[in-house]
Amino acid sequence: CHPVTGTCSCPPGWTGHHCQRACDLGRWGPDCAHSCNCSNSDGSCSAETGQCLCEAGYAGTRCE
């Protein structure tokens, strides 16, 4: 946490006042600041890296 403001900098995959909440589906990175860019039906990706999680029948970097 920042020594003056007390604001926590959450690690990739986590968000919330005390970094206690996992990223919502479709979000990733520190404080869940990024949106997934995947073409599979639910658009999901790794909450830590942003790598697309392809469903059966989908392949490629963006599951296209």
Protein backbone atom coordinates (compact mmCIF):
# COMPACT_ATOMS: atom_id res chain seq x y z
CA CYS A 1 0.00 0.00 0.00
CA HIS A 2 1.04 3.58 -0.65
CA PRO A 3 2.66 5.03 2.54
CA VAL A 4 0.81 8.37 2.32
CA THR A 5 -2.59 7.61 0.77
CA GLY A 6 -2.98 4.05 2.06
CA THR A 7 -4.26 2.99 -1.37
CA CYS A 8 -3.33 -0.59 -2.16
CA SER A 9 -1.76 -1.54 -5.48
CA CYS A 10 -3.31 -4.91 -6.14
CA PRO A 11 -1.37 -7.70 -7.85
CA PRO A 12 -2.61 -9.03 -11.21
CA GLY A 13 -5.96 -10.79 -10.86
CA TRP A 14 -7.11 -8.94 -7.73
CA THR A 15 -9.01 -5.75 -6.88
CA GLY A 16 -10.83 -4.07 -3.99
CA HIS A 17 -9.87 -1.81 -1.08
CA HIS A 18 -7.65 -4.52 0.43
CA CYS A 19 -7.11 -6.52 -2.79
CA GLN A 20 -9.43 -9.21 -1.44
CA ARG A 21 -11.66 -9.63 -4.53
CA ALA A 22 -10.77 -11.58 -7.66
CA CYS A 23 -11.28 -9.90 -11.04
CA ASP A 24 -14.71 -10.17 -12.63
CA LEU A 25 -15.06 -12.26 -15.77
CA GLY A 26 -13.67 -10.32 -18.72
CA ARG A 27 -11.20 -8.23 -16.67
CA TRP A 28 -7.51 -8.79 -15.90
CA GLY A 29 -4.26 -7.27 -14.60
CA PRO A 30 -3.34 -5.22 -11.54
CA ASP A 31 -6.55 -3.83 -10.00
CA CYS A 32 -8.42 -5.57 -12.89
CA ALA A 33 -7.72 -2.47 -14.99
CA HIS A 34 -7.74 -4.22 -18.40
CA SER A 35 -10.51 -5.79 -20.48
CA CYS A 36 -10.07 -9.21 -22.09
CA ASN A 37 -9.80 -9.12 -25.88
CA CYS A 38 -10.99 -12.63 -26.73
CA SER A 39 -13.45 -13.79 -29.37
CA ASN A 40 -14.74 -16.93 -27.62
CA SER A 41 -18.37 -16.94 -26.52
CA ASP A 42 -17.84 -15.61 -22.98
CA GLY A 43 -14.73 -13.52 -23.79
CA SER A 44 -12.84 -14.86 -20.79
CA CYS A 45 -9.10 -14.61 -20.22
CA SER A 46 -6.58 -15.24 -17.46
CA ALA A 47 -7.15 -12.67 -14.70
CA GLU A 48 -3.38 -12.53 -14.16
CA THR A 49 -1.93 -12.45 -17.70
CA GLY A 50 -4.80 -11.54 -20.05
CA GLN A 51 -4.16 -14.69 -22.12
CA CYS A 52 -7.42 -15.87 -23.71
CA LEU A 53 -8.96 -19.02 -22.30
CA CYS A 54 -10.38 -20.75 -25.37
CA GLU A 55 -13.48 -22.91 -25.10
CA ALA A 56 -13.85 -26.20 -26.98
CA GLY A 57 -13.96 -25.49 -30.71
CA TYR A 58 -12.01 -22.21 -30.48
CA ALA A 59 -8.26 -21.70 -31.00
CA GLY A 60 -5.75 -18.94 -31.66
CA THR A 61 -4.37 -16.02 -29.68
CA ARG A 62 -7.83 -14.43 -29.38
CA CYS A 63 -9.82 -17.69 -29.70
CA GLU A 64 -10.93 -16.60 -33.16
